[in-house]
Amino acid sequence: MTTWISVPRSAFRFKQGAPRCFNSSPGVTRSFCGTCGSQLTYESERIPDEVHLYAASLINPLNVNPSRHVFVDEQLPWLEIADRLPRFAKTSRGGVQPIRYGPIT
């Protein structure tokens, strides 16, 4: 499972060093630490104003408050997160309505 945190590109910068990057598919760039190989970011030409960060790459991910769950259609059937946040089948862009709020009961 991966937890992504989306941030505006204009508000993001690496504070130290520079990651290594590769194009994993057309229009997609992923970055990773050149020393340990940890995954850091996902960037897509389809959403040029955002950078997606792996929550596990943050020093303190507890400082981030989640607002929604996306790509719930890809969720493993044995994993359910017990919060009341909106769930979206795919993306939450473009005025798409959530498929539910909270876990399946």
PDB file of N, CA and C in Angstrom:
ATOM      1  N   MET A   1       0.841  -1.172   0.000  1.00  0.00           N
ATOM      2  CA  MET A   1       0.000   0.000   0.000  1.00  0.00           C
ATOM      3  C   MET A   1       0.890   1.241   0.000  1.00  0.00           C
ATOM      4  N   THR A   2       0.455   2.238  -0.702  1.00  0.00           N
ATOM      5  CA  THR A   2       1.193   3.488  -0.769  1.00  0.00           C
ATOM      6  C   THR A   2       0.277   4.632  -0.362  1.00  0.00           C
ATOM      7  N   THR A   3       0.799   5.520   0.433  1.00  0.00           N
ATOM      8  CA  THR A   3       0.076   6.735   0.774  1.00  0.00           C
ATOM      9  C   THR A   3       0.794   7.896   0.097  1.00  0.00           C
ATOM     10  N   TRP A   4       0.051   8.582  -0.780  1.00  0.00           N
ATOM     11  CA  TRP A   4       0.577   9.733  -1.492  1.00  0.00           C
ATOM     12  C   TRP A   4       0.073  11.006  -0.857  1.00  0.00           C
ATOM     13  N   ILE A   5       0.897  12.015  -0.877  1.00  0.00           N
ATOM     14  CA  ILE A   5       0.501  13.341  -0.436  1.00  0.00           C
ATOM     15  C   ILE A   5       0.719  14.285  -1.615  1.00  0.00           C
ATOM     16  N   SER A   6      -0.349  14.922  -2.027  1.00  0.00           N
ATOM     17  CA  SER A   6      -0.289  15.835  -3.164  1.00  0.00           C
ATOM     18  C   SER A   6      -0.037  17.250  -2.660  1.00  0.00           C
ATOM     19  N   VAL A   7       0.968  17.904  -3.240  1.00  0.00           N
ATOM     20  CA  VAL A   7       1.280  19.281  -2.855  1.00  0.00           C
ATOM     21  C   VAL A   7       1.407  20.140  -4.110  1.00  0.00           C
ATOM     22  N   PRO A   8       1.093  21.425  -3.995  1.00  0.00           N
ATOM     23  CA  PRO A   8       1.295  22.311  -5.141  1.00  0.00           C
ATOM     24  C   PRO A   8       2.784  22.378  -5.491  1.00  0.00           C
ATOM     25  N   ARG A   9       3.084  22.281  -6.762  1.00  0.00           N
ATOM     26  CA  ARG A   9       4.480  22.343  -7.205  1.00  0.00           C
ATOM     27  C   ARG A   9       5.154  23.618  -6.703  1.00  0.00           C
ATOM     28  N   SER A  10       4.414  24.717  -6.685  1.00  0.00           N
ATOM     29  CA  SER A  10       4.989  25.994  -6.262  1.00  0.00           C
ATOM     30  C   SER A  10       5.379  26.003  -4.782  1.00  0.00           C
ATOM     31  N   ALA A  11       4.828  25.095  -3.982  1.00  0.00           N
ATOM     32  CA  ALA A  11       5.121  25.054  -2.546  1.00  0.00           C
ATOM     33  C   ALA A  11       6.129  23.967  -2.190  1.00  0.00           C
ATOM     34  N   PHE A  12       6.665  23.279  -3.188  1.00  0.00           N
ATOM     35  CA  PHE A  12       7.537  22.142  -2.917  1.00  0.00           C
ATOM     36  C   PHE A  12       8.976  22.410  -3.334  1.00  0.00           C
ATOM     37  N   ARG A  13       9.887  21.949  -2.482  1.00  0.00           N
ATOM     38  CA  ARG A  13      11.305  21.933  -2.838  1.00  0.00           C
ATOM     39  C   ARG A  13      12.002  20.927  -1.942  1.00  0.00           C
ATOM     40  N   PHE A  14      13.103  20.376  -2.423  1.00  0.00           N
ATOM     41  CA  PHE A  14      13.943  19.524  -1.599  1.00  0.00           C
ATOM     42  C   PHE A  14      14.828  20.446  -0.770  1.00  0.00           C
ATOM     43  N   LYS A  15      14.923  20.179   0.511  1.00  0.00           N
ATOM     44  CA  LYS A  15      15.713  21.035   1.394  1.00  0.00           C
ATOM     45  C   LYS A  15      17.196  20.704   1.349  1.00  0.00           C
ATOM     46  N   GLN A  16      17.500  19.468   0.951  1.00  0.00           N
ATOM     47  CA  GLN A  16      18.900  19.053   0.931  1.00  0.00           C
ATOM     48  C   GLN A  16      19.098  18.048  -0.195  1.00  0.00           C
ATOM     49  N   GLY A  17      20.140  18.236  -0.953  1.00  0.00           N
ATOM     50  CA  GLY A  17      20.467  17.297  -2.014  1.00  0.00           C
ATOM     51  C   GLY A  17      19.483  17.346  -3.169  1.00  0.00           C
ATOM     52  N   ALA A  18      19.741  16.514  -4.130  1.00  0.00           N
ATOM     53  CA  ALA A  18      18.879  16.400  -5.300  1.00  0.00           C
ATOM     54  C   ALA A  18      18.620  14.926  -5.560  1.00  0.00           C
ATOM     55  N   PRO A  19      17.369  14.557  -5.829  1.00  0.00           N
ATOM     56  CA  PRO A  19      17.067  13.150  -6.068  1.00  0.00           C
ATOM     57  C   PRO A  19      17.521  12.710  -7.455  1.00  0.00           C
ATOM     58  N   ARG A  20      17.546  11.431  -7.651  1.00  0.00           N
ATOM     59  CA  ARG A  20      17.735  10.850  -8.977  1.00  0.00           C
ATOM     60  C   ARG A  20      16.350  10.687  -9.571  1.00  0.00           C
ATOM     61  N   CYS A  21      16.217  10.844 -10.875  1.00  0.00           N
ATOM     62  CA  CYS A  21      14.914  10.768 -11.533  1.00  0.00           C
ATOM     63  C   CYS A  21      14.943   9.801 -12.693  1.00  0.00           C
ATOM     64  N   PHE A  22      13.781   9.241 -13.005  1.00  0.00           N
ATOM     65  CA  PHE A  22      13.637   8.455 -14.217  1.00  0.00           C
ATOM     66  C   PHE A  22      12.212   8.586 -14.721  1.00  0.00           C
ATOM     67  N   ASN A  23      12.049   8.427 -16.028  1.00  0.00           N
ATOM     68  CA  ASN A  23      10.739   8.471 -16.662  1.00  0.00           C
ATOM     69  C   ASN A  23      10.200   7.054 -16.709  1.00  0.00           C
ATOM     70  N   SER A  24       9.214   6.772 -15.853  1.00  0.00           N
ATOM     71  CA  SER A  24       8.688   5.414 -15.738  1.00  0.00           C
ATOM     72  C   SER A  24       7.696   5.070 -16.839  1.00  0.00           C
ATOM     73  N   SER A  25       7.088   6.077 -17.435  1.00  0.00           N
ATOM     74  CA  SER A  25       6.174   5.898 -18.564  1.00  0.00           C
ATOM     75  C   SER A  25       6.037   7.260 -19.232  1.00  0.00           C
ATOM     76  N   PRO A  26       5.430   7.324 -20.415  1.00  0.00           N
ATOM     77  CA  PRO A  26       5.326   8.617 -21.092  1.00  0.00           C
ATOM     78  C   PRO A  26       4.639   9.671 -20.218  1.00  0.00           C
ATOM     79  N   GLY A  27       5.321  10.791 -20.018  1.00  0.00           N
ATOM     80  CA  GLY A  27       4.755  11.896 -19.254  1.00  0.00           C
ATOM     81  C   GLY A  27       4.858  11.764 -17.750  1.00  0.00           C
ATOM     82  N   VAL A  28       5.504  10.695 -17.249  1.00  0.00           N
ATOM     83  CA  VAL A  28       5.604  10.461 -15.809  1.00  0.00           C
ATOM     84  C   VAL A  28       7.072  10.416 -15.394  1.00  0.00           C
ATOM     85  N   THR A  29       7.393  11.193 -14.360  1.00  0.00           N
ATOM     86  CA  THR A  29       8.736  11.190 -13.787  1.00  0.00           C
ATOM     87  C   THR A  29       8.636  10.782 -12.325  1.00  0.00           C
ATOM     88  N   ARG A  30       9.482   9.862 -11.932  1.00  0.00           N
ATOM     89  CA  ARG A  30       9.551   9.428 -10.538  1.00  0.00           C
ATOM     90  C   ARG A  30      10.939   9.755 -10.025  1.00  0.00           C
ATOM     91  N   SER A  31      11.009  10.130  -8.749  1.00  0.00           N
ATOM     92  CA  SER A  31      12.320  10.407  -8.174  1.00  0.00           C
ATOM     93  C   SER A  31      12.569   9.486  -6.992  1.00  0.00           C
ATOM     94  N   PHE A  32      13.847   9.312  -6.700  1.00  0.00           N
ATOM     95  CA  PHE A  32      14.256   8.442  -5.601  1.00  0.00           C
ATOM     96  C   PHE A  32      15.575   8.939  -5.047  1.00  0.00           C
ATOM     97  N   CYS A  33      15.901   8.508  -3.846  1.00  0.00           N
ATOM     98  CA  CYS A  33      17.163   8.874  -3.220  1.00  0.00           C
ATOM     99  C   CYS A  33      18.294   8.133  -3.924  1.00  0.00           C
ATOM    100  N   GLY A  34      19.298   8.868  -4.367  1.00  0.00           N
ATOM    101  CA  GLY A  34      20.434   8.265  -5.053  1.00  0.00           C
ATOM    102  C   GLY A  34      21.330   7.455  -4.142  1.00  0.00           C
ATOM    103  N   THR A  35      21.194   7.622  -2.832  1.00  0.00           N
ATOM    104  CA  THR A  35      22.012   6.878  -1.879  1.00  0.00           C
ATOM    105  C   THR A  35      21.361   5.568  -1.458  1.00  0.00           C
ATOM    106  N   CYS A  36      20.098   5.631  -1.023  1.00  0.00           N
ATOM    107  CA  CYS A  36      19.449   4.427  -0.482  1.00  0.00           C
ATOM    108  C   CYS A  36      18.395   3.832  -1.408  1.00  0.00           C
ATOM    109  N   GLY A  37      17.958   4.583  -2.428  1.00  0.00           N
ATOM    110  CA  GLY A  37      16.969   4.077  -3.373  1.00  0.00           C
ATOM    111  C   GLY A  37      15.527   4.289  -2.965  1.00  0.00           C
ATOM    112  N   SER A  38      15.280   4.931  -1.821  1.00  0.00           N
ATOM    113  CA  SER A  38      13.906   5.169  -1.384  1.00  0.00           C
ATOM    114  C   SER A  38      13.153   6.018  -2.402  1.00  0.00           C
ATOM    115  N   GLN A  39      11.912   5.628  -2.667  1.00  0.00           N
ATOM    116  CA  GLN A  39      11.072   6.392  -3.580  1.00  0.00           C
ATOM    117  C   GLN A  39      10.667   7.699  -2.918  1.00  0.00           C
ATOM    118  N   LEU A  40      10.630   8.775  -3.694  1.00  0.00           N
ATOM    119  CA  LEU A  40      10.325  10.095  -3.139  1.00  0.00           C
ATOM    120  C   LEU A  40       9.106  10.754  -3.773  1.00  0.00           C
ATOM    121  N   THR A  41       9.101  10.901  -5.108  1.00  0.00           N
ATOM    122  CA  THR A  41       8.028  11.657  -5.740  1.00  0.00           C
ATOM    123  C   THR A  41       7.504  10.984  -7.002  1.00  0.00           C
ATOM    124  N   TYR A  42       6.310  11.437  -7.378  1.00  0.00           N
ATOM    125  CA  TYR A  42       5.655  11.078  -8.633  1.00  0.00           C
ATOM    126  C   TYR A  42       5.187  12.383  -9.249  1.00  0.00           C
ATOM    127  N   GLU A  43       5.539  12.612 -10.509  1.00  0.00           N
ATOM    128  CA  GLU A  43       5.105  13.808 -11.219  1.00  0.00           C
ATOM    129  C   GLU A  43       4.574  13.399 -12.584  1.00  0.00           C
ATOM    130  N   SER A  44       3.462  14.014 -12.983  1.00  0.00           N
ATOM    131  CA  SER A  44       2.827  13.680 -14.250  1.00  0.00           C
ATOM    132  C   SER A  44       2.537  14.943 -15.052  1.00  0.00           C
ATOM    133  N   GLU A  45       2.763  14.867 -16.341  1.00  0.00           N
ATOM    134  CA  GLU A  45       2.433  15.995 -17.218  1.00  0.00           C
ATOM    135  C   GLU A  45       0.939  16.279 -17.222  1.00  0.00           C
ATOM    136  N   ARG A  46       0.107  15.282 -16.887  1.00  0.00           N
ATOM    137  CA  ARG A  46      -1.348  15.482 -16.843  1.00  0.00           C
ATOM    138  C   ARG A  46      -1.767  16.408 -15.710  1.00  0.00           C
ATOM    139  N   ILE A  47      -0.950  16.481 -14.657  1.00  0.00           N
ATOM    140  CA  ILE A  47      -1.233  17.349 -13.515  1.00  0.00           C
ATOM    141  C   ILE A  47       0.030  18.144 -13.190  1.00  0.00           C
ATOM    142  N   PRO A  48       0.366  19.085 -14.073  1.00  0.00           N
ATOM    143  CA  PRO A  48       1.655  19.778 -13.983  1.00  0.00           C
ATOM    144  C   PRO A  48       1.830  20.670 -12.757  1.00  0.00           C
ATOM    145  N   ASP A  49       0.751  21.039 -12.089  1.00  0.00           N
ATOM    146  CA  ASP A  49       0.860  21.940 -10.941  1.00  0.00           C
ATOM    147  C   ASP A  49       0.998  21.212  -9.608  1.00  0.00           C
ATOM    148  N   GLU A  50       1.139  19.867  -9.649  1.00  0.00           N
ATOM    149  CA  GLU A  50       1.228  19.080  -8.424  1.00  0.00           C
ATOM    150  C   GLU A  50       2.468  18.196  -8.418  1.00  0.00           C
ATOM    151  N   VAL A  51       2.940  17.918  -7.210  1.00  0.00           N
ATOM    152  CA  VAL A  51       3.970  16.909  -6.971  1.00  0.00           C
ATOM    153  C   VAL A  51       3.375  15.959  -5.939  1.00  0.00           C
ATOM    154  N   HIS A  52       3.501  14.674  -6.187  1.00  0.00           N
ATOM    155  CA  HIS A  52       2.989  13.680  -5.251  1.00  0.00           C
ATOM    156  C   HIS A  52       4.170  13.065  -4.506  1.00  0.00           C
ATOM    157  N   LEU A  53       4.078  13.072  -3.187  1.00  0.00           N
ATOM    158  CA  LEU A  53       5.145  12.576  -2.327  1.00  0.00           C
ATOM    159  C   LEU A  53       4.708  11.293  -1.639  1.00  0.00           C
ATOM    160  N   TYR A  54       5.632  10.377  -1.461  1.00  0.00           N
ATOM    161  CA  TYR A  54       5.361   9.207  -0.642  1.00  0.00           C
ATOM    162  C   TYR A  54       5.330   9.655   0.815  1.00  0.00           C
ATOM    163  N   ALA A  55       4.266   9.344   1.534  1.00  0.00           N
ATOM    164  CA  ALA A  55       4.175   9.724   2.942  1.00  0.00           C
ATOM    165  C   ALA A  55       5.339   9.145   3.732  1.00  0.00           C
ATOM    166  N   ALA A  56       5.775   7.960   3.380  1.00  0.00           N
ATOM    167  CA  ALA A  56       6.878   7.308   4.092  1.00  0.00           C
ATOM    168  C   ALA A  56       8.197   8.053   3.931  1.00  0.00           C
ATOM    169  N   SER A  57       8.282   8.950   2.964  1.00  0.00           N
ATOM    170  CA  SER A  57       9.526   9.696   2.752  1.00  0.00           C
ATOM    171  C   SER A  57       9.611  10.955   3.620  1.00  0.00           C
ATOM    172  N   LEU A  58       8.525  11.300   4.292  1.00  0.00           N
ATOM    173  CA  LEU A  58       8.516  12.506   5.120  1.00  0.00           C
ATOM    174  C   LEU A  58       9.131  12.240   6.491  1.00  0.00           C
ATOM    175  N   ILE A  59       9.781  13.236   7.041  1.00  0.00           N
ATOM    176  CA  ILE A  59      10.342  13.109   8.387  1.00  0.00           C
ATOM    177  C   ILE A  59       9.221  12.908   9.402  1.00  0.00           C
ATOM    178  N   ASN A  60       8.132  13.653   9.261  1.00  0.00           N
ATOM    179  CA  ASN A  60       7.018  13.523  10.187  1.00  0.00           C
ATOM    180  C   ASN A  60       5.691  13.554   9.433  1.00  0.00           C
ATOM    181  N   PRO A  61       5.237  12.414   8.897  1.00  0.00           N
ATOM    182  CA  PRO A  61       3.971  12.404   8.157  1.00  0.00           C
ATOM    183  C   PRO A  61       2.753  12.702   9.029  1.00  0.00           C
ATOM    184  N   LEU A  62       2.909  12.681  10.344  1.00  0.00           N
ATOM    185  CA  LEU A  62       1.792  13.026  11.230  1.00  0.00           C
ATOM    186  C   LEU A  62       1.402  14.496  11.120  1.00  0.00           C
ATOM    187  N   ASN A  63       2.280  15.306  10.524  1.00  0.00           N
ATOM    188  CA  ASN A  63       1.971  16.729  10.335  1.00  0.00           C
ATOM    189  C   ASN A  63       1.010  16.968   9.174  1.00  0.00           C
ATOM    190  N   VAL A  64       0.686  15.936   8.424  1.00  0.00           N
ATOM    191  CA  VAL A  64      -0.200  16.052   7.274  1.00  0.00           C
ATOM    192  C   VAL A  64      -1.575  15.516   7.649  1.00  0.00           C
ATOM    193  N   ASN A  65      -2.605  16.284   7.349  1.00  0.00           N
ATOM    194  CA  ASN A  65      -3.978  15.851   7.611  1.00  0.00           C
ATOM    195  C   ASN A  65      -4.620  15.395   6.311  1.00  0.00           C
ATOM    196  N   PRO A  66      -5.011  14.141   6.223  1.00  0.00           N
ATOM    197  CA  PRO A  66      -5.637  13.655   4.992  1.00  0.00           C
ATOM    198  C   PRO A  66      -7.003  14.298   4.777  1.00  0.00           C
ATOM    199  N   SER A  67      -7.403  14.408   3.512  1.00  0.00           N
ATOM    200  CA  SER A  67      -8.703  14.999   3.195  1.00  0.00           C
ATOM    201  C   SER A  67      -9.607  14.058   2.408  1.00  0.00           C
ATOM    202  N   ARG A  68      -9.044  12.983   1.839  1.00  0.00           N
ATOM    203  CA  ARG A  68      -9.848  12.067   1.024  1.00  0.00           C
ATOM    204  C   ARG A  68      -9.024  10.826   0.686  1.00  0.00           C
ATOM    205  N   HIS A  69      -9.720   9.816   0.194  1.00  0.00           N
ATOM    206  CA  HIS A  69      -9.079   8.613  -0.325  1.00  0.00           C
ATOM    207  C   HIS A  69      -9.434   8.520  -1.813  1.00  0.00           C
ATOM    208  N   VAL A  70      -8.432   8.308  -2.654  1.00  0.00           N
ATOM    209  CA  VAL A  70      -8.657   8.185  -4.096  1.00  0.00           C
ATOM    210  C   VAL A  70      -8.220   6.806  -4.573  1.00  0.00           C
ATOM    211  N   PHE A  71      -8.705   6.416  -5.730  1.00  0.00           N
ATOM    212  CA  PHE A  71      -8.426   5.116  -6.335  1.00  0.00           C
ATOM    213  C   PHE A  71      -8.850   3.978  -5.407  1.00  0.00           C
ATOM    214  N   VAL A  72      -9.997   4.174  -4.753  1.00  0.00           N
ATOM    215  CA  VAL A  72     -10.529   3.171  -3.841  1.00  0.00           C
ATOM    216  C   VAL A  72     -10.898   1.883  -4.598  1.00  0.00           C
ATOM    217  N   ASP A  73     -11.200   1.989  -5.883  1.00  0.00           N
ATOM    218  CA  ASP A  73     -11.488   0.786  -6.677  1.00  0.00           C
ATOM    219  C   ASP A  73     -10.299  -0.170  -6.721  1.00  0.00           C
ATOM    220  N   GLU A  74      -9.089   0.325  -6.443  1.00  0.00           N
ATOM    221  CA  GLU A  74      -7.889  -0.517  -6.454  1.00  0.00           C
ATOM    222  C   GLU A  74      -7.520  -1.022  -5.057  1.00  0.00           C
ATOM    223  N   GLN A  75      -8.311  -0.670  -4.073  1.00  0.00           N
ATOM    224  CA  GLN A  75      -8.044  -1.044  -2.681  1.00  0.00           C
ATOM    225  C   GLN A  75      -8.115  -2.555  -2.499  1.00  0.00           C
ATOM    226  N   LEU A  76      -7.195  -3.090  -1.735  1.00  0.00           N
ATOM    227  CA  LEU A  76      -7.236  -4.514  -1.419  1.00  0.00           C
ATOM    228  C   LEU A  76      -8.484  -4.811  -0.592  1.00  0.00           C
ATOM    229  N   PRO A  77      -9.167  -5.916  -0.868  1.00  0.00           N
ATOM    230  CA  PRO A  77     -10.432  -6.175  -0.178  1.00  0.00           C
ATOM    231  C   PRO A  77     -10.295  -6.403   1.332  1.00  0.00           C
ATOM    232  N   TRP A  78      -9.121  -6.753   1.800  1.00  0.00           N
ATOM    233  CA  TRP A  78      -8.940  -7.003   3.233  1.00  0.00           C
ATOM    234  C   TRP A  78      -8.433  -5.785   3.993  1.00  0.00           C
ATOM    235  N   LEU A  79      -8.348  -4.634   3.317  1.00  0.00           N
ATOM    236  CA  LEU A  79      -7.873  -3.418   3.963  1.00  0.00           C
ATOM    237  C   LEU A  79      -8.983  -2.376   3.982  1.00  0.00           C
ATOM    238  N   GLU A  80      -9.374  -1.951   5.165  1.00  0.00           N
ATOM    239  CA  GLU A  80     -10.374  -0.907   5.290  1.00  0.00           C
ATOM    240  C   GLU A  80      -9.885   0.091   6.331  1.00  0.00           C
ATOM    241  N   ILE A  81      -9.868   1.369   5.987  1.00  0.00           N
ATOM    242  CA  ILE A  81      -9.392   2.415   6.878  1.00  0.00           C
ATOM    243  C   ILE A  81     -10.597   3.025   7.586  1.00  0.00           C
ATOM    244  N   ALA A  82     -10.523   3.083   8.895  1.00  0.00           N
ATOM    245  CA  ALA A  82     -11.676   3.470   9.718  1.00  0.00           C
ATOM    246  C   ALA A  82     -11.728   4.974   9.975  1.00  0.00           C
ATOM    247  N   ASP A  83     -11.869   5.757   8.929  1.00  0.00           N
ATOM    248  CA  ASP A  83     -12.128   7.182   9.093  1.00  0.00           C
ATOM    249  C   ASP A  83     -13.365   7.526   8.286  1.00  0.00           C
ATOM    250  N   ARG A  84     -13.859   8.732   8.409  1.00  0.00           N
ATOM    251  CA  ARG A  84     -15.085   9.152   7.720  1.00  0.00           C
ATOM    252  C   ARG A  84     -14.801  10.015   6.498  1.00  0.00           C
ATOM    253  N   LEU A  85     -13.593   9.952   5.966  1.00  0.00           N
ATOM    254  CA  LEU A  85     -13.230  10.760   4.802  1.00  0.00           C
ATOM    255  C   LEU A  85     -13.933  10.259   3.550  1.00  0.00           C
ATOM    256  N   PRO A  86     -14.138  11.158   2.578  1.00  0.00           N
ATOM    257  CA  PRO A  86     -14.763  10.725   1.323  1.00  0.00           C
ATOM    258  C   PRO A  86     -13.864   9.766   0.554  1.00  0.00           C
ATOM    259  N   ARG A  87     -14.500   8.807  -0.112  1.00  0.00           N
ATOM    260  CA  ARG A  87     -13.812   7.822  -0.949  1.00  0.00           C
ATOM    261  C   ARG A  87     -14.205   8.060  -2.399  1.00  0.00           C
ATOM    262  N   PHE A  88     -13.200   8.082  -3.272  1.00  0.00           N
ATOM    263  CA  PHE A  88     -13.432   8.264  -4.702  1.00  0.00           C
ATOM    264  C   PHE A  88     -12.965   7.012  -5.429  1.00  0.00           C
ATOM    265  N   ALA A  89     -13.760   6.552  -6.384  1.00  0.00           N
ATOM    266  CA  ALA A  89     -13.412   5.343  -7.130  1.00  0.00           C
ATOM    267  C   ALA A  89     -12.059   5.498  -7.810  1.00  0.00           C
ATOM    268  N   LYS A  90     -11.845   6.616  -8.443  1.00  0.00           N
ATOM    269  CA  LYS A  90     -10.564   6.924  -9.105  1.00  0.00           C
ATOM    270  C   LYS A  90     -10.054   8.242  -8.529  1.00  0.00           C
ATOM    271  N   THR A  91     -10.021   9.251  -9.353  1.00  0.00           N
ATOM    272  CA  THR A  91      -9.545  10.562  -8.923  1.00  0.00           C
ATOM    273  C   THR A  91     -10.687  11.385  -8.332  1.00  0.00           C
ATOM    274  N   SER A  92     -10.329  12.453  -7.646  1.00  0.00           N
ATOM    275  CA  SER A  92     -11.340  13.373  -7.114  1.00  0.00           C
ATOM    276  C   SER A  92     -11.396  14.657  -7.933  1.00  0.00           C
ATOM    277  N   ARG A  93     -10.698  14.688  -9.048  1.00  0.00           N
ATOM    278  CA  ARG A  93     -10.661  15.885  -9.905  1.00  0.00           C
ATOM    279  C   ARG A  93     -11.908  15.992 -10.767  1.00  0.00           C
ATOM    280  N   GLY A  94     -12.195  17.213 -11.190  1.00  0.00           N
ATOM    281  CA  GLY A  94     -13.252  17.430 -12.176  1.00  0.00           C
ATOM    282  C   GLY A  94     -14.663  17.329 -11.639  1.00  0.00           C
ATOM    283  N   GLY A  95     -14.871  17.609 -10.368  1.00  0.00           N
ATOM    284  CA  GLY A  95     -16.225  17.601  -9.824  1.00  0.00           C
ATOM    285  C   GLY A  95     -16.812  16.220  -9.594  1.00  0.00           C
ATOM    286  N   VAL A  96     -15.977  15.188  -9.608  1.00  0.00           N
ATOM    287  CA  VAL A  96     -16.441  13.826  -9.371  1.00  0.00           C
ATOM    288  C   VAL A  96     -16.950  13.714  -7.933  1.00  0.00           C
ATOM    289  N   GLN A  97     -18.065  13.034  -7.754  1.00  0.00           N
ATOM    290  CA  GLN A  97     -18.618  12.848  -6.421  1.00  0.00           C
ATOM    291  C   GLN A  97     -18.036  11.591  -5.769  1.00  0.00           C
ATOM    292  N   PRO A  98     -17.881  11.586  -4.442  1.00  0.00           N
ATOM    293  CA  PRO A  98     -17.377  10.396  -3.760  1.00  0.00           C
ATOM    294  C   PRO A  98     -18.359   9.230  -3.892  1.00  0.00           C
ATOM    295  N   ILE A  99     -17.820   8.036  -3.845  1.00  0.00           N
ATOM    296  CA  ILE A  99     -18.691   6.851  -3.896  1.00  0.00           C
ATOM    297  C   ILE A  99     -19.250   6.522  -2.518  1.00  0.00           C
ATOM    298  N   ARG A 100     -18.580   7.008  -1.461  1.00  0.00           N
ATOM    299  CA  ARG A 100     -19.080   6.857  -0.089  1.00  0.00           C
ATOM    300  C   ARG A 100     -18.201   7.679   0.838  1.00  0.00           C
ATOM    301  N   TYR A 101     -18.635   7.750   2.088  1.00  0.00           N
ATOM    302  CA  TYR A 101     -17.849   8.370   3.156  1.00  0.00           C
ATOM    303  C   TYR A 101     -17.591   7.287   4.196  1.00  0.00           C
ATOM    304  N   GLY A 102     -16.356   7.112   4.575  1.00  0.00           N
ATOM    305  CA  GLY A 102     -16.032   6.120   5.579  1.00  0.00           C
ATOM    306  C   GLY A 102     -15.930   4.713   5.002  1.00  0.00           C
ATOM    307  N   PRO A 103     -15.637   3.766   5.890  1.00  0.00           N
ATOM    308  CA  PRO A 103     -15.430   2.387   5.457  1.00  0.00           C
ATOM    309  C   PRO A 103     -16.725   1.693   5.054  1.00  0.00           C
ATOM    310  N   ILE A 104     -16.581   0.597   4.350  1.00  0.00           N
ATOM    311  CA  ILE A 104     -17.738  -0.252   4.025  1.00  0.00           C
ATOM    312  C   ILE A 104     -18.214  -0.881   5.321  1.00  0.00           C
ATOM    313  N   THR A 105     -19.496  -0.812   5.547  1.00  0.00           N
ATOM    314  CA  THR A 105     -20.027  -1.402   6.787  1.00  0.00           C
ATOM    315  C   THR A 105     -20.855  -2.624   6.500  1.00  0.00           C
TER     316      THR A 105
END
